[in-house]
Amino acid sequence: MATVNLSDYKPLQINDAGSFRIGIVVSEWNDFVTHNLRDGALEVLKKEGVKEENIKIFKVPGAFELNYASMQLCKEGIFDAVIAIGCVIRGETPHFDYVCSAVAHGIKDCNIMTDVPTIFCLLTDDTAEQSIARSGGNLGNKGIEAGVTALQMIDFKKNLSEKKGSIGFANL
């Protein structure tokens, strides 16, 4: 069980973050959590130098719809990364398991079927209190972590592309 803030990070110091284009898909279901996650992601992206006009937010009704919207944004090819934000809180039926599994697989598909890093920021908690703790409460904000991950993956992709033509990397 987590007991400390897990969202602390050291500044990334990415030189060209201002040119990064990031799409954020946010589920409106459980918006008392997802809006906090969105705000955490926005905070870190701006802090790291991503221009506000290069960040686009798209709303979807629920977590299940994150897959479709994320895949469509990836296919458009205008974003350097997509962050999928949602929250599913366990209820009394197996619905929780199906939605969580489907979203995990859908975001995985975006990552292997497109060239756009797609960041999984879906809270899958047993209670609303756990979700609140992970969306700006005493356990940090997973939205911050998603923003950091998006920047790191864009930087990874950029560096990989630059090294492809270098000696010793011709076969990548």
N, C-alpha and C. Protein backbone atom coordinates (compact mmCIF):
# COMPACT_ATOMS: atom_id res chain seq x y z
N MET A 1 0.84 -1.18 0.00
CA MET A 1 0.00 0.00 0.00
C MET A 1 0.89 1.25 0.00
N ALA A 2 0.62 2.16 -0.91
CA ALA A 2 1.39 3.39 -1.00
C ALA A 2 1.07 4.28 0.20
N THR A 3 2.13 4.93 0.72
CA THR A 3 1.94 5.82 1.86
C THR A 3 2.63 7.16 1.67
N VAL A 4 3.32 7.34 0.56
CA VAL A 4 4.04 8.59 0.32
C VAL A 4 3.70 9.13 -1.06
N ASN A 5 3.97 10.43 -1.25
CA ASN A 5 3.77 11.07 -2.54
C ASN A 5 4.72 10.45 -3.55
N LEU A 6 4.18 9.87 -4.60
CA LEU A 6 4.99 9.20 -5.61
C LEU A 6 5.21 10.07 -6.84
N SER A 7 4.72 11.31 -6.82
CA SER A 7 4.74 12.15 -8.01
C SER A 7 5.85 13.18 -8.04
N ASP A 8 6.74 13.17 -7.07
CA ASP A 8 7.88 14.10 -7.11
C ASP A 8 8.81 13.71 -8.25
N TYR A 9 9.36 14.69 -8.93
CA TYR A 9 10.29 14.43 -10.02
C TYR A 9 11.32 15.53 -10.07
N LYS A 10 12.44 15.23 -10.68
CA LYS A 10 13.47 16.23 -10.90
C LYS A 10 13.20 16.88 -12.25
N PRO A 11 13.44 18.20 -12.37
CA PRO A 11 13.23 18.85 -13.67
C PRO A 11 13.95 18.09 -14.78
N LEU A 12 13.28 17.97 -15.92
CA LEU A 12 13.79 17.14 -17.01
C LEU A 12 14.84 17.84 -17.86
N GLN A 13 14.76 19.15 -17.95
CA GLN A 13 15.71 19.94 -18.74
C GLN A 13 15.78 19.46 -20.20
N ILE A 14 14.62 19.34 -20.82
CA ILE A 14 14.55 18.99 -22.24
C ILE A 14 14.62 20.31 -23.01
N ASN A 15 15.61 20.44 -23.87
CA ASN A 15 15.88 21.71 -24.54
C ASN A 15 14.76 22.20 -25.44
N ASP A 16 14.14 21.35 -26.20
CA ASP A 16 13.17 21.80 -27.21
C ASP A 16 11.73 21.45 -26.87
N ALA A 17 11.41 21.35 -25.60
CA ALA A 17 10.05 20.98 -25.19
C ALA A 17 9.01 21.98 -25.69
N GLY A 18 9.41 23.20 -25.96
CA GLY A 18 8.48 24.21 -26.44
C GLY A 18 7.85 23.85 -27.78
N SER A 19 8.52 23.01 -28.54
CA SER A 19 7.99 22.61 -29.85
C SER A 19 7.13 21.35 -29.78
N PHE A 20 7.08 20.69 -28.64
CA PHE A 20 6.31 19.46 -28.51
C PHE A 20 4.81 19.75 -28.60
N ARG A 21 4.10 18.85 -29.28
CA ARG A 21 2.65 18.95 -29.42
C ARG A 21 2.02 17.75 -28.70
N ILE A 22 1.14 18.04 -27.76
CA ILE A 22 0.60 16.97 -26.93
C ILE A 22 -0.92 17.04 -26.90
N GLY A 23 -1.55 15.90 -27.17
CA GLY A 23 -2.99 15.76 -27.05
C GLY A 23 -3.32 15.09 -25.73
N ILE A 24 -4.30 15.62 -25.04
CA ILE A 24 -4.73 15.04 -23.77
C ILE A 24 -6.20 14.67 -23.90
N VAL A 25 -6.51 13.39 -23.72
CA VAL A 25 -7.89 12.91 -23.76
C VAL A 25 -8.32 12.68 -22.32
N VAL A 26 -9.42 13.33 -21.93
CA VAL A 26 -9.86 13.28 -20.53
C VAL A 26 -11.29 12.74 -20.45
N SER A 27 -11.46 11.70 -19.66
CA SER A 27 -12.78 11.15 -19.39
C SER A 27 -13.53 12.10 -18.45
N GLU A 28 -14.79 12.36 -18.78
CA GLU A 28 -15.63 13.19 -17.92
C GLU A 28 -16.24 12.40 -16.77
N TRP A 29 -16.24 11.06 -16.88
CA TRP A 29 -16.76 10.23 -15.79
C TRP A 29 -15.78 10.33 -14.63
N ASN A 30 -16.27 10.51 -13.44
CA ASN A 30 -15.44 10.74 -12.26
C ASN A 30 -14.57 12.00 -12.43
N ASP A 31 -15.19 13.06 -12.94
CA ASP A 31 -14.44 14.27 -13.22
C ASP A 31 -13.86 14.94 -11.98
N PHE A 32 -14.35 14.60 -10.81
CA PHE A 32 -13.75 15.14 -9.59
C PHE A 32 -12.33 14.61 -9.42
N VAL A 33 -12.00 13.56 -10.14
CA VAL A 33 -10.64 13.01 -10.16
C VAL A 33 -9.93 13.35 -11.47
N THR A 34 -10.60 13.12 -12.60
CA THR A 34 -9.93 13.29 -13.89
C THR A 34 -9.52 14.73 -14.16
N HIS A 35 -10.30 15.70 -13.68
CA HIS A 35 -9.89 17.10 -13.88
C HIS A 35 -8.64 17.43 -13.08
N ASN A 36 -8.49 16.83 -11.91
CA ASN A 36 -7.25 17.01 -11.14
C ASN A 36 -6.05 16.38 -11.85
N LEU A 37 -6.26 15.21 -12.44
CA LEU A 37 -5.19 14.56 -13.20
C LEU A 37 -4.80 15.41 -14.40
N ARG A 38 -5.82 15.91 -15.12
CA ARG A 38 -5.57 16.80 -16.26
C ARG A 38 -4.76 18.02 -15.82
N ASP A 39 -5.16 18.63 -14.72
CA ASP A 39 -4.47 19.83 -14.24
C ASP A 39 -3.03 19.52 -13.83
N GLY A 40 -2.80 18.35 -13.26
CA GLY A 40 -1.44 17.95 -12.91
C GLY A 40 -0.57 17.78 -14.15
N ALA A 41 -1.12 17.15 -15.18
CA ALA A 41 -0.38 16.98 -16.43
C ALA A 41 -0.08 18.34 -17.06
N LEU A 42 -1.08 19.21 -17.12
CA LEU A 42 -0.88 20.54 -17.70
C LEU A 42 0.19 21.33 -16.94
N GLU A 43 0.14 21.23 -15.63
CA GLU A 43 1.11 21.95 -14.80
C GLU A 43 2.55 21.57 -15.14
N VAL A 44 2.82 20.29 -15.21
CA VAL A 44 4.20 19.85 -15.48
C VAL A 44 4.60 20.12 -16.92
N LEU A 45 3.68 19.97 -17.86
CA LEU A 45 4.02 20.23 -19.27
C LEU A 45 4.42 21.69 -19.44
N LYS A 46 3.64 22.60 -18.87
CA LYS A 46 3.96 24.02 -18.97
C LYS A 46 5.24 24.35 -18.22
N LYS A 47 5.41 23.77 -17.05
CA LYS A 47 6.62 24.00 -16.26
C LYS A 47 7.87 23.58 -17.02
N GLU A 48 7.75 22.53 -17.82
CA GLU A 48 8.89 22.00 -18.58
C GLU A 48 9.06 22.71 -19.92
N GLY A 49 8.18 23.68 -20.23
CA GLY A 49 8.40 24.50 -21.41
C GLY A 49 7.50 24.24 -22.60
N VAL A 50 6.55 23.32 -22.48
CA VAL A 50 5.63 23.08 -23.60
C VAL A 50 4.71 24.30 -23.69
N LYS A 51 4.58 24.85 -24.88
CA LYS A 51 3.74 26.02 -25.08
C LYS A 51 2.26 25.64 -24.94
N GLU A 52 1.52 26.51 -24.28
CA GLU A 52 0.10 26.24 -24.03
C GLU A 52 -0.67 25.97 -25.32
N GLU A 53 -0.31 26.68 -26.39
CA GLU A 53 -1.02 26.50 -27.66
C GLU A 53 -0.68 25.16 -28.33
N ASN A 54 0.32 24.46 -27.83
CA ASN A 54 0.70 23.16 -28.37
C ASN A 54 0.07 22.00 -27.59
N ILE A 55 -0.77 22.33 -26.62
CA ILE A 55 -1.46 21.32 -25.82
C ILE A 55 -2.95 21.41 -26.13
N LYS A 56 -3.53 20.32 -26.58
CA LYS A 56 -4.96 20.29 -26.91
C LYS A 56 -5.66 19.26 -26.03
N ILE A 57 -6.79 19.67 -25.47
CA ILE A 57 -7.55 18.80 -24.57
C ILE A 57 -8.84 18.37 -25.27
N PHE A 58 -9.11 17.06 -25.19
CA PHE A 58 -10.30 16.47 -25.80
C PHE A 58 -11.06 15.72 -24.70
N LYS A 59 -12.35 15.99 -24.59
CA LYS A 59 -13.18 15.34 -23.58
C LYS A 59 -13.92 14.15 -24.21
N VAL A 60 -14.01 13.07 -23.43
CA VAL A 60 -14.81 11.91 -23.82
C VAL A 60 -15.70 11.56 -22.63
N PRO A 61 -16.81 10.85 -22.88
CA PRO A 61 -17.76 10.58 -21.79
C PRO A 61 -17.18 9.72 -20.65
N GLY A 62 -16.50 8.64 -21.00
CA GLY A 62 -16.02 7.73 -19.96
C GLY A 62 -14.67 7.13 -20.30
N ALA A 63 -14.19 6.27 -19.43
CA ALA A 63 -12.88 5.67 -19.61
C ALA A 63 -12.82 4.79 -20.86
N PHE A 64 -13.89 4.07 -21.15
CA PHE A 64 -13.91 3.16 -22.29
C PHE A 64 -13.65 3.91 -23.60
N GLU A 65 -14.12 5.14 -23.68
CA GLU A 65 -13.96 5.95 -24.89
C GLU A 65 -12.56 6.52 -25.06
N LEU A 66 -11.73 6.39 -24.06
CA LEU A 66 -10.33 6.85 -24.18
C LEU A 66 -9.62 6.16 -25.33
N ASN A 67 -9.92 4.88 -25.53
CA ASN A 67 -9.26 4.12 -26.60
C ASN A 67 -9.52 4.70 -27.97
N TYR A 68 -10.78 4.91 -28.29
CA TYR A 68 -11.13 5.43 -29.61
C TYR A 68 -10.51 6.80 -29.83
N ALA A 69 -10.71 7.70 -28.89
CA ALA A 69 -10.20 9.06 -29.05
C ALA A 69 -8.67 9.07 -29.15
N SER A 70 -8.01 8.31 -28.32
CA SER A 70 -6.54 8.26 -28.35
C SER A 70 -6.04 7.72 -29.68
N MET A 71 -6.66 6.65 -30.16
CA MET A 71 -6.24 6.07 -31.44
C MET A 71 -6.45 7.06 -32.59
N GLN A 72 -7.57 7.77 -32.58
CA GLN A 72 -7.82 8.75 -33.63
C GLN A 72 -6.78 9.86 -33.61
N LEU A 73 -6.42 10.33 -32.43
CA LEU A 73 -5.39 11.37 -32.33
C LEU A 73 -4.04 10.84 -32.81
N CYS A 74 -3.74 9.62 -32.46
CA CYS A 74 -2.47 9.02 -32.92
C CYS A 74 -2.44 8.91 -34.44
N LYS A 75 -3.54 8.48 -35.03
CA LYS A 75 -3.60 8.32 -36.49
C LYS A 75 -3.47 9.65 -37.22
N GLU A 76 -3.94 10.73 -36.61
CA GLU A 76 -3.85 12.04 -37.24
C GLU A 76 -2.40 12.46 -37.45
N GLY A 77 -1.52 12.01 -36.58
CA GLY A 77 -0.10 12.32 -36.73
C GLY A 77 0.29 13.76 -36.43
N ILE A 78 -0.55 14.50 -35.73
CA ILE A 78 -0.21 15.89 -35.43
C ILE A 78 0.33 16.06 -34.02
N PHE A 79 0.26 15.01 -33.21
CA PHE A 79 0.75 15.10 -31.84
C PHE A 79 2.01 14.26 -31.67
N ASP A 80 2.90 14.76 -30.85
CA ASP A 80 4.12 14.03 -30.52
C ASP A 80 3.85 12.97 -29.45
N ALA A 81 2.82 13.18 -28.65
CA ALA A 81 2.38 12.22 -27.64
C ALA A 81 0.93 12.48 -27.32
N VAL A 82 0.26 11.44 -26.83
CA VAL A 82 -1.12 11.53 -26.38
C VAL A 82 -1.15 11.00 -24.95
N ILE A 83 -1.86 11.73 -24.09
CA ILE A 83 -2.05 11.29 -22.70
C ILE A 83 -3.52 10.94 -22.54
N ALA A 84 -3.81 9.71 -22.12
CA ALA A 84 -5.19 9.26 -21.89
C ALA A 84 -5.46 9.26 -20.39
N ILE A 85 -6.40 10.10 -19.97
CA ILE A 85 -6.69 10.29 -18.54
C ILE A 85 -8.09 9.80 -18.21
N GLY A 86 -8.17 8.92 -17.22
CA GLY A 86 -9.47 8.43 -16.78
C GLY A 86 -9.41 7.89 -15.36
N CYS A 87 -10.57 7.52 -14.86
CA CYS A 87 -10.65 6.97 -13.50
C CYS A 87 -11.82 6.00 -13.44
N VAL A 88 -11.53 4.78 -13.03
CA VAL A 88 -12.56 3.76 -12.83
C VAL A 88 -12.49 3.34 -11.37
N ILE A 89 -13.61 3.45 -10.69
CA ILE A 89 -13.67 3.08 -9.27
C ILE A 89 -14.50 1.80 -9.17
N ARG A 90 -13.94 0.82 -8.47
CA ARG A 90 -14.58 -0.49 -8.36
C ARG A 90 -16.00 -0.38 -7.81
N GLY A 91 -16.89 -1.10 -8.40
CA GLY A 91 -18.28 -1.16 -7.91
C GLY A 91 -18.60 -2.58 -7.49
N GLU A 92 -19.86 -2.92 -7.56
CA GLU A 92 -20.32 -4.23 -7.10
C GLU A 92 -20.37 -5.28 -8.19
N THR A 93 -20.10 -4.89 -9.44
CA THR A 93 -20.19 -5.83 -10.56
C THR A 93 -18.82 -5.95 -11.25
N PRO A 94 -18.66 -6.93 -12.13
CA PRO A 94 -17.39 -7.09 -12.84
C PRO A 94 -17.14 -6.02 -13.90
N HIS A 95 -18.05 -5.07 -14.06
CA HIS A 95 -17.89 -3.99 -15.03
C HIS A 95 -16.50 -3.33 -14.89
N PHE A 96 -16.07 -3.11 -13.67
CA PHE A 96 -14.75 -2.52 -13.38
C PHE A 96 -13.64 -3.27 -14.10
N ASP A 97 -13.64 -4.59 -13.98
CA ASP A 97 -12.59 -5.41 -14.58
C ASP A 97 -12.59 -5.31 -16.10
N TYR A 98 -13.77 -5.33 -16.69
CA TYR A 98 -13.85 -5.25 -18.15
C TYR A 98 -13.37 -3.90 -18.67
N VAL A 99 -13.80 -2.83 -18.04
CA VAL A 99 -13.41 -1.50 -18.49
C VAL A 99 -11.92 -1.29 -18.31
N CYS A 100 -11.39 -1.63 -17.16
CA CYS A 100 -9.96 -1.43 -16.91
C CYS A 100 -9.11 -2.22 -17.89
N SER A 101 -9.47 -3.47 -18.12
CA SER A 101 -8.72 -4.31 -19.05
C SER A 101 -8.80 -3.77 -20.47
N ALA A 102 -10.00 -3.38 -20.88
CA ALA A 102 -10.18 -2.87 -22.24
C ALA A 102 -9.37 -1.59 -22.47
N VAL A 103 -9.38 -0.70 -21.51
CA VAL A 103 -8.62 0.54 -21.67
C VAL A 103 -7.12 0.25 -21.70
N ALA A 104 -6.65 -0.62 -20.84
CA ALA A 104 -5.22 -0.97 -20.85
C ALA A 104 -4.82 -1.53 -22.21
N HIS A 105 -5.62 -2.43 -22.75
CA HIS A 105 -5.32 -3.01 -24.06
C HIS A 105 -5.42 -1.98 -25.17
N GLY A 106 -6.40 -1.10 -25.07
CA GLY A 106 -6.57 -0.08 -26.10
C GLY A 106 -5.40 0.90 -26.15
N ILE A 107 -4.93 1.31 -25.01
CA ILE A 107 -3.78 2.23 -24.97
C ILE A 107 -2.52 1.50 -25.43
N LYS A 108 -2.39 0.23 -25.05
CA LYS A 108 -1.28 -0.58 -25.55
C LYS A 108 -1.32 -0.65 -27.07
N ASP A 109 -2.50 -0.83 -27.63
CA ASP A 109 -2.64 -0.88 -29.09
C ASP A 109 -2.19 0.42 -29.74
N CYS A 110 -2.53 1.54 -29.15
CA CYS A 110 -2.07 2.83 -29.69
C CYS A 110 -0.55 2.84 -29.76
N ASN A 111 0.09 2.30 -28.75
CA ASN A 111 1.55 2.32 -28.69
C ASN A 111 2.21 1.38 -29.69
N ILE A 112 1.57 0.25 -29.97
CA ILE A 112 2.23 -0.68 -30.90
C ILE A 112 1.74 -0.54 -32.34
N MET A 113 0.59 0.10 -32.54
CA MET A 113 0.05 0.23 -33.88
C MET A 113 0.31 1.60 -34.51
N THR A 114 0.78 2.55 -33.72
CA THR A 114 1.09 3.88 -34.26
C THR A 114 2.49 4.26 -33.80
N ASP A 115 2.94 5.38 -34.31
CA ASP A 115 4.27 5.88 -33.97
C ASP A 115 4.20 6.98 -32.91
N VAL A 116 3.08 7.08 -32.23
CA VAL A 116 2.87 8.14 -31.24
C VAL A 116 2.83 7.53 -29.84
N PRO A 117 3.75 7.93 -28.96
CA PRO A 117 3.68 7.45 -27.58
C PRO A 117 2.34 7.85 -26.96
N THR A 118 1.65 6.86 -26.40
CA THR A 118 0.37 7.10 -25.76
C THR A 118 0.50 6.71 -24.30
N ILE A 119 0.22 7.66 -23.43
CA ILE A 119 0.50 7.50 -22.01
C ILE A 119 -0.77 7.08 -21.27
N PHE A 120 -0.66 6.02 -20.52
CA PHE A 120 -1.76 5.42 -19.75
C PHE A 120 -1.85 6.13 -18.40
N CYS A 121 -2.88 6.94 -18.23
CA CYS A 121 -3.11 7.63 -16.95
C CYS A 121 -4.53 7.31 -16.51
N LEU A 122 -4.76 6.05 -16.23
CA LEU A 122 -6.06 5.57 -15.79
C LEU A 122 -5.94 5.10 -14.35
N LEU A 123 -6.62 5.79 -13.46
CA LEU A 123 -6.65 5.32 -12.08
C LEU A 123 -7.67 4.18 -12.00
N THR A 124 -7.28 3.11 -11.34
CA THR A 124 -8.14 1.94 -11.18
C THR A 124 -8.17 1.60 -9.70
N ASP A 125 -8.97 2.33 -8.96
CA ASP A 125 -8.97 2.23 -7.51
C ASP A 125 -10.21 1.54 -6.98
N ASP A 126 -10.09 1.07 -5.75
CA ASP A 126 -11.22 0.42 -5.08
C ASP A 126 -12.22 1.43 -4.53
N THR A 127 -11.73 2.63 -4.16
CA THR A 127 -12.60 3.63 -3.55
C THR A 127 -12.32 5.02 -4.12
N ALA A 128 -13.30 5.90 -3.96
CA ALA A 128 -13.12 7.29 -4.38
C ALA A 128 -11.99 7.94 -3.57
N GLU A 129 -11.87 7.57 -2.31
CA GLU A 129 -10.81 8.14 -1.47
C GLU A 129 -9.42 7.80 -2.02
N GLN A 130 -9.24 6.58 -2.50
CA GLN A 130 -7.95 6.21 -3.11
C GLN A 130 -7.69 7.04 -4.36
N SER A 131 -8.71 7.27 -5.16
CA SER A 131 -8.55 8.07 -6.38
C SER A 131 -8.20 9.51 -6.05
N ILE A 132 -8.85 10.06 -5.04
CA ILE A 132 -8.56 11.44 -4.62
C ILE A 132 -7.13 11.54 -4.12
N ALA A 133 -6.67 10.55 -3.37
CA ALA A 133 -5.30 10.56 -2.85
C ALA A 133 -4.27 10.53 -3.96
N ARG A 134 -4.62 9.94 -5.11
CA ARG A 134 -3.68 9.80 -6.23
C ARG A 134 -3.88 10.87 -7.31
N SER A 135 -4.79 11.79 -7.07
CA SER A 135 -5.06 12.84 -8.07
C SER A 135 -4.89 14.23 -7.45
N GLY A 136 -3.89 14.35 -6.62
CA GLY A 136 -3.59 15.63 -5.98
C GLY A 136 -3.66 15.58 -4.47
N GLY A 137 -3.95 14.41 -3.94
CA GLY A 137 -4.01 14.24 -2.49
C GLY A 137 -2.66 13.85 -1.91
N ASN A 138 -2.69 13.17 -0.81
CA ASN A 138 -1.45 12.86 -0.08
C ASN A 138 -0.53 11.87 -0.80
N LEU A 139 -1.01 11.21 -1.86
CA LEU A 139 -0.15 10.29 -2.60
C LEU A 139 0.33 10.88 -3.92
N GLY A 140 0.13 12.18 -4.09
CA GLY A 140 0.62 12.85 -5.29
C GLY A 140 -0.45 13.00 -6.35
N ASN A 141 0.00 13.15 -7.58
CA ASN A 141 -0.92 13.33 -8.69
C ASN A 141 -0.38 12.55 -9.89
N LYS A 142 -1.07 11.48 -10.23
CA LYS A 142 -0.64 10.64 -11.35
C LYS A 142 -0.65 11.41 -12.67
N GLY A 143 -1.38 12.51 -12.74
CA GLY A 143 -1.35 13.36 -13.93
C GLY A 143 0.02 13.98 -14.14
N ILE A 144 0.67 14.36 -13.06
CA ILE A 144 2.05 14.87 -13.14
C ILE A 144 2.95 13.80 -13.73
N GLU A 145 2.81 12.58 -13.23
CA GLU A 145 3.63 11.47 -13.72
C GLU A 145 3.37 11.22 -15.21
N ALA A 146 2.12 11.35 -15.64
CA ALA A 146 1.79 11.14 -17.05
C ALA A 146 2.42 12.23 -17.91
N GLY A 147 2.40 13.47 -17.44
CA GLY A 147 3.05 14.55 -18.18
C GLY A 147 4.54 14.33 -18.32
N VAL A 148 5.18 13.93 -17.24
CA VAL A 148 6.62 13.64 -17.26
C VAL A 148 6.90 12.50 -18.23
N THR A 149 6.09 11.46 -18.17
CA THR A 149 6.29 10.30 -19.05
C THR A 149 6.13 10.70 -20.52
N ALA A 150 5.14 11.52 -20.83
CA ALA A 150 4.95 11.98 -22.21
C ALA A 150 6.20 12.69 -22.71
N LEU A 151 6.73 13.60 -21.90
CA LEU A 151 7.93 14.35 -22.30
C LEU A 151 9.12 13.41 -22.49
N GLN A 152 9.28 12.47 -21.58
CA GLN A 152 10.40 11.53 -21.68
C GLN A 152 10.28 10.64 -22.92
N MET A 153 9.07 10.23 -23.26
CA MET A 153 8.89 9.38 -24.43
C MET A 153 9.08 10.15 -25.73
N ILE A 154 8.66 11.41 -25.78
CA ILE A 154 8.92 12.23 -26.96
C ILE A 154 10.42 12.40 -27.12
N ASP A 155 11.09 12.68 -26.03
CA ASP A 155 12.55 12.86 -26.07
C ASP A 155 13.23 11.55 -26.49
N PHE A 156 12.76 10.42 -25.98
CA PHE A 156 13.30 9.12 -26.36
C PHE A 156 13.17 8.91 -27.87
N LYS A 157 11.98 9.17 -28.39
CA LYS A 157 11.73 8.98 -29.82
C LYS A 157 12.61 9.90 -30.66
N LYS A 158 12.74 11.14 -30.24
CA LYS A 158 13.57 12.11 -30.95
C LYS A 158 15.04 11.66 -30.95
N ASN A 159 15.54 11.25 -29.80
CA ASN A 159 16.93 10.80 -29.70
C ASN A 159 17.17 9.52 -30.50
N LEU A 160 16.21 8.63 -30.51
CA LEU A 160 16.34 7.40 -31.28
C LEU A 160 16.43 7.72 -32.77
N SER A 161 15.59 8.64 -33.23
CA SER A 161 15.62 9.04 -34.64
C SER A 161 16.96 9.64 -35.02
N GLU A 162 17.52 10.46 -34.13
CA GLU A 162 18.81 11.09 -34.40
C GLU A 162 19.93 10.06 -34.46
N LYS A 163 19.83 9.02 -33.65
CA LYS A 163 20.89 8.01 -33.59
C LYS A 163 20.80 7.00 -34.72
N LYS A 164 19.64 6.91 -35.36
CA LYS A 164 19.47 5.93 -36.44
C LYS A 164 20.53 6.10 -37.52
N GLY A 165 20.86 7.33 -37.85
CA GLY A 165 21.82 7.58 -38.91
C GLY A 165 23.26 7.57 -38.44
N SER A 166 23.48 7.45 -37.15
CA SER A 166 24.85 7.46 -36.61
C SER A 166 25.56 6.13 -36.83
N ILE A 167 26.86 6.18 -36.80
CA ILE A 167 27.67 4.95 -36.94
C ILE A 167 27.29 3.99 -35.83
N GLY A 168 27.10 2.74 -36.18
CA GLY A 168 26.75 1.71 -35.21
C GLY A 168 25.26 1.56 -34.99
N PHE A 169 24.47 2.46 -35.53
CA PHE A 169 23.03 2.37 -35.35
C PHE A 169 22.30 2.25 -36.68
N ALA A 170 23.01 1.93 -37.72
CA ALA A 170 22.43 1.90 -39.06
C ALA A 170 21.33 0.87 -39.20
N ASN A 171 21.33 -0.17 -38.39
CA ASN A 171 20.33 -1.23 -38.52
C ASN A 171 19.09 -1.02 -37.65
N LEU A 172 19.01 0.10 -36.97
CA LEU A 172 17.81 0.33 -36.13
C LEU A 172 16.60 0.63 -36.98
